Amino acid sequence: MSSEAVATVPPLPTAKGAQHRGAYLEMLISSLIGLIAALVLSVEAITLAADPNAVFSCDINEKISCAKVALTWQANLLGFPNAFLGLIAEPVVITVAVAGLGGVRFPRWFMNLAMGVYFIGLVFAYWLFYEAYFVIGALCPWCLLVTVTTTTVFASLLRVTLWDNTFHFSESLHARVQSWLRIGVDVWITVLLIAVLAAMVIFRYI
């Protein structure tokens, strides 16, 4: 084959979803960590049900105590430990992340539904943080970890939906949003939010 013929061969197309590999990988790692935290919290909830005076390794003092938080009504909002929700939700997120890494392109309705459901989860996580911080007066390290992983999973999911324009933005707005994503505006917002949470914890409890 001549050099001219080789030069005219078009490059191989980028695999579908390749631009989302970083987001799906972050989603997978965060959801795995979140699942571990949910498992620990679930075990602690069962232990506390059998012995309300049980003490855990994360019960450092009155302000940093898993048991103190777990014994409140906020930790059992739906009549069972909130951690059980994590045991249901995190495997779903892990499945979506693995499928996304494998090149699966989900339909718009699925991604929008996932965004809506996970947004409710994000609001719930931050409501629990608010209650622990301002009302209960104690923080659970595992709960804080869930708050962080919920934030990062939501950020990754939002990045995918914004890039693929599942919300049907106009072409001009979509192009602008993609330019923001290219320079990592969403990443910096997420980092800033987590930094604010960390600063609040350090300022009041450490």
Protein backbone atom coordinates (compact mmCIF):
# COMPACT_ATOMS: atom_id res chain seq x y z
CA MET A 1 0.00 0.00 0.00
CA SER A 2 1.42 3.41 -0.97
CA SER A 3 2.13 6.14 1.51
CA GLU A 4 -0.57 8.23 -0.19
CA ALA A 5 -3.15 5.50 0.40
CA VAL A 6 -2.12 5.14 4.04
CA ALA A 7 -2.45 8.88 4.54
CA THR A 8 -6.03 8.82 3.28
CA VAL A 9 -7.17 6.09 5.69
CA PRO A 10 -9.43 7.83 8.25
CA PRO A 11 -8.60 7.42 11.95
CA LEU A 12 -10.61 4.92 13.93
CA PRO A 13 -13.62 6.52 15.61
CA THR A 14 -13.56 7.04 19.33
CA ALA A 15 -15.56 4.40 21.15
CA LYS A 16 -18.96 5.51 22.27
CA GLY A 17 -18.86 6.80 25.82
CA ALA A 18 -15.06 7.07 25.81
CA GLN A 19 -15.30 10.69 26.89
CA HIS A 20 -17.18 9.53 30.00
CA ARG A 21 -14.67 6.95 31.20
CA GLY A 22 -13.25 9.25 33.85
CA ALA A 23 -16.71 10.11 35.16
CA TYR A 24 -17.84 6.48 35.24
CA LEU A 25 -14.60 5.39 36.91
CA GLU A 26 -15.04 8.02 39.60
CA MET A 27 -18.65 6.93 39.97
CA LEU A 28 -17.58 3.31 40.40
CA ILE A 29 -14.93 4.07 43.01
CA SER A 30 -17.24 6.39 44.96
CA SER A 31 -20.14 3.95 44.93
CA LEU A 32 -17.89 1.11 46.11
CA ILE A 33 -16.72 3.25 49.02
CA GLY A 34 -20.31 4.27 49.71
CA LEU A 35 -21.37 0.62 49.73
CA ILE A 36 -18.68 -0.22 52.28
CA ALA A 37 -19.86 2.66 54.47
CA ALA A 38 -23.49 1.53 54.14
CA LEU A 39 -22.51 -2.01 55.14
CA VAL A 40 -20.67 -0.77 58.24
CA LEU A 41 -23.57 1.50 59.22
CA SER A 42 -26.06 -1.34 58.68
CA VAL A 43 -24.08 -3.68 60.91
CA GLU A 44 -23.88 -0.98 63.57
CA ALA A 45 -27.63 -0.37 63.34
CA ILE A 46 -28.32 -4.08 63.90
CA THR A 47 -25.86 -4.14 66.78
CA LEU A 48 -27.51 -1.11 68.40
CA ALA A 49 -30.92 -2.72 68.01
CA ALA A 50 -29.68 -5.60 70.14
CA ASP A 51 -27.66 -3.46 72.55
CA PRO A 52 -28.37 0.32 72.69
CA ASN A 53 -25.28 0.73 74.90
CA ALA A 54 -22.91 -0.72 72.31
CA VAL A 55 -19.73 1.26 71.65
CA PHE A 56 -18.02 1.44 68.27
CA SER A 57 -14.53 2.37 67.15
CA CYS A 58 -15.87 5.60 65.64
CA ASP A 59 -17.31 6.70 69.01
CA ILE A 60 -14.45 9.04 69.77
CA ASN A 61 -16.25 11.54 71.99
CA GLU A 62 -19.62 13.24 72.43
CA LYS A 63 -19.17 15.21 69.21
CA ILE A 64 -17.87 12.42 67.00
CA SER A 65 -19.99 9.36 67.64
CA CYS A 66 -21.65 6.90 65.27
CA ALA A 67 -23.82 5.45 68.04
CA LYS A 68 -25.16 8.82 69.16
CA VAL A 69 -26.25 9.66 65.63
CA ALA A 70 -27.60 6.17 64.89
CA LEU A 71 -29.92 6.27 67.91
CA THR A 72 -31.76 9.39 66.68
CA TRP A 73 -35.00 9.44 64.71
CA GLN A 74 -33.22 11.14 61.83
CA ALA A 75 -31.13 8.01 61.31
CA ASN A 76 -34.30 5.93 60.96
CA LEU A 77 -36.46 8.36 59.03
CA LEU A 78 -38.48 5.75 57.12
CA GLY A 79 -38.85 3.41 60.07
CA PHE A 80 -35.63 1.51 59.38
CA PRO A 81 -31.94 2.50 59.36
CA ASN A 82 -31.10 4.91 56.54
CA ALA A 83 -28.05 2.78 55.77
CA PHE A 84 -30.33 0.10 54.32
CA LEU A 85 -31.13 2.53 51.50
CA GLY A 86 -27.45 2.58 50.64
CA LEU A 87 -27.40 -1.19 50.39
CA ILE A 88 -30.10 -0.86 47.73
CA ALA A 89 -28.87 2.22 45.86
CA GLU A 90 -25.10 1.68 45.70
CA PRO A 91 -25.22 -1.64 43.80
CA VAL A 92 -27.42 0.05 41.20
CA VAL A 93 -24.89 2.86 40.80
CA ILE A 94 -22.07 0.31 40.56
CA THR A 95 -23.95 -1.51 37.78
CA VAL A 96 -24.51 1.72 35.85
CA ALA A 97 -20.84 2.70 36.24
CA VAL A 98 -19.57 -0.69 35.07
CA ALA A 99 -21.95 -0.66 32.10
CA GLY A 100 -20.85 2.87 31.24
CA LEU A 101 -17.20 1.85 31.37
CA GLY A 102 -18.10 -0.99 29.01
CA GLY A 103 -19.38 1.49 26.45
CA VAL A 104 -23.10 1.26 27.11
CA ARG A 105 -24.99 4.41 26.13
CA PHE A 106 -28.13 4.75 28.21
CA PRO A 107 -31.27 6.37 26.74
CA ARG A 108 -32.07 9.93 27.73
CA TRP A 109 -35.11 9.00 29.79
CA PHE A 110 -32.99 6.61 31.88
CA MET A 111 -30.26 9.20 32.55
CA ASN A 112 -32.81 11.88 33.42
CA LEU A 113 -34.60 9.47 35.74
CA ALA A 114 -31.30 8.52 37.36
CA MET A 115 -30.46 12.20 37.82
CA GLY A 116 -33.82 12.87 39.43
CA VAL A 117 -33.60 9.93 41.82
CA TYR A 118 -29.99 10.66 42.76
CA PHE A 119 -30.78 14.32 43.28
CA ILE A 120 -33.30 13.23 45.91
CA GLY A 121 -30.54 11.13 47.46
CA LEU A 122 -28.18 14.10 47.44
CA VAL A 123 -30.74 16.33 49.15
CA PHE A 124 -31.38 13.58 51.70
CA ALA A 125 -27.65 13.21 52.42
CA TYR A 126 -27.23 16.94 52.99
CA TRP A 127 -30.37 17.10 55.12
CA LEU A 128 -28.86 14.40 57.33
CA PHE A 129 -25.61 16.35 57.52
CA TYR A 130 -27.55 19.48 58.49
CA GLU A 131 -29.45 17.59 61.20
CA ALA A 132 -26.28 16.04 62.59
CA TYR A 133 -24.36 19.31 62.50
CA PHE A 134 -26.96 21.73 63.84
CA VAL A 135 -29.56 19.61 65.66
CA ILE A 136 -28.01 16.40 66.96
CA GLY A 137 -24.70 18.05 67.72
CA ALA A 138 -22.62 15.02 66.77
CA LEU A 139 -21.14 13.63 63.59
CA CYS A 140 -20.73 10.07 62.35
CA PRO A 141 -17.52 9.58 60.32
CA TRP A 142 -19.13 6.89 58.16
CA CYS A 143 -22.11 9.13 57.51
CA LEU A 144 -19.76 11.92 56.45
CA LEU A 145 -18.10 9.51 54.04
CA VAL A 146 -21.49 8.71 52.53
CA THR A 147 -22.18 12.44 52.13
CA VAL A 148 -18.90 12.89 50.24
CA THR A 149 -19.39 9.86 47.98
CA THR A 150 -22.98 10.89 47.25
CA THR A 151 -21.64 14.29 46.19
CA THR A 152 -19.00 12.86 43.88
CA VAL A 153 -21.36 10.31 42.30
CA PHE A 154 -23.92 13.04 41.65
CA ALA A 155 -21.23 15.26 40.12
CA SER A 156 -20.11 12.46 37.79
CA LEU A 157 -23.67 11.62 36.78
CA LEU A 158 -24.39 15.29 36.16
CA ARG A 159 -21.29 15.60 33.98
CA VAL A 160 -22.43 12.71 31.79
CA THR A 161 -25.97 14.04 31.37
CA LEU A 162 -24.79 17.58 30.66
CA TRP A 163 -22.24 16.43 28.10
CA ASP A 164 -24.81 14.26 26.32
CA ASN A 165 -27.43 17.00 26.59
CA THR A 166 -30.13 14.71 27.95
CA PHE A 167 -31.98 17.83 29.13
CA HIS A 168 -32.40 19.06 25.53
CA PHE A 169 -30.65 22.40 25.93
CA SER A 170 -30.38 24.60 22.87
CA GLU A 171 -27.30 24.04 20.70
CA SER A 172 -25.69 27.29 21.81
CA LEU A 173 -26.26 26.60 25.51
CA HIS A 174 -25.08 23.02 25.15
CA ALA A 175 -21.89 24.18 23.44
CA ARG A 176 -21.27 26.62 26.29
CA VAL A 177 -21.89 23.93 28.91
CA GLN A 178 -19.47 21.58 27.16
CA SER A 179 -16.82 24.31 27.15
CA TRP A 180 -17.25 24.64 30.92
CA LEU A 181 -16.94 20.89 31.34
CA ARG A 182 -13.76 20.81 29.25
CA ILE A 183 -12.01 23.19 31.65
CA GLY A 184 -13.32 21.30 34.69
CA VAL A 185 -15.73 23.84 36.16
CA ASP A 186 -17.84 21.01 37.57
CA VAL A 187 -14.79 19.41 39.16
CA TRP A 188 -13.77 22.61 40.90
CA ILE A 189 -17.30 23.20 42.18
CA THR A 190 -17.34 19.68 43.62
CA VAL A 191 -13.92 20.12 45.23
CA LEU A 192 -15.01 23.46 46.69
CA LEU A 193 -18.18 21.94 48.13
CA ILE A 194 -16.27 19.09 49.78
CA ALA A 195 -13.71 21.59 51.09
CA VAL A 196 -16.52 23.62 52.69
CA LEU A 197 -17.86 20.49 54.37
CA ALA A 198 -14.39 19.63 55.66
CA ALA A 199 -13.88 23.16 56.96
CA MET A 200 -17.22 23.07 58.79
CA VAL A 201 -16.31 19.78 60.46
CA ILE A 202 -12.82 20.94 61.43
CA PHE A 203 -14.06 24.28 62.72
CA ARG A 204 -16.75 22.85 65.00
CA TYR A 205 -15.74 19.35 65.96
CA ILE A 206 -11.97 19.03 65.77
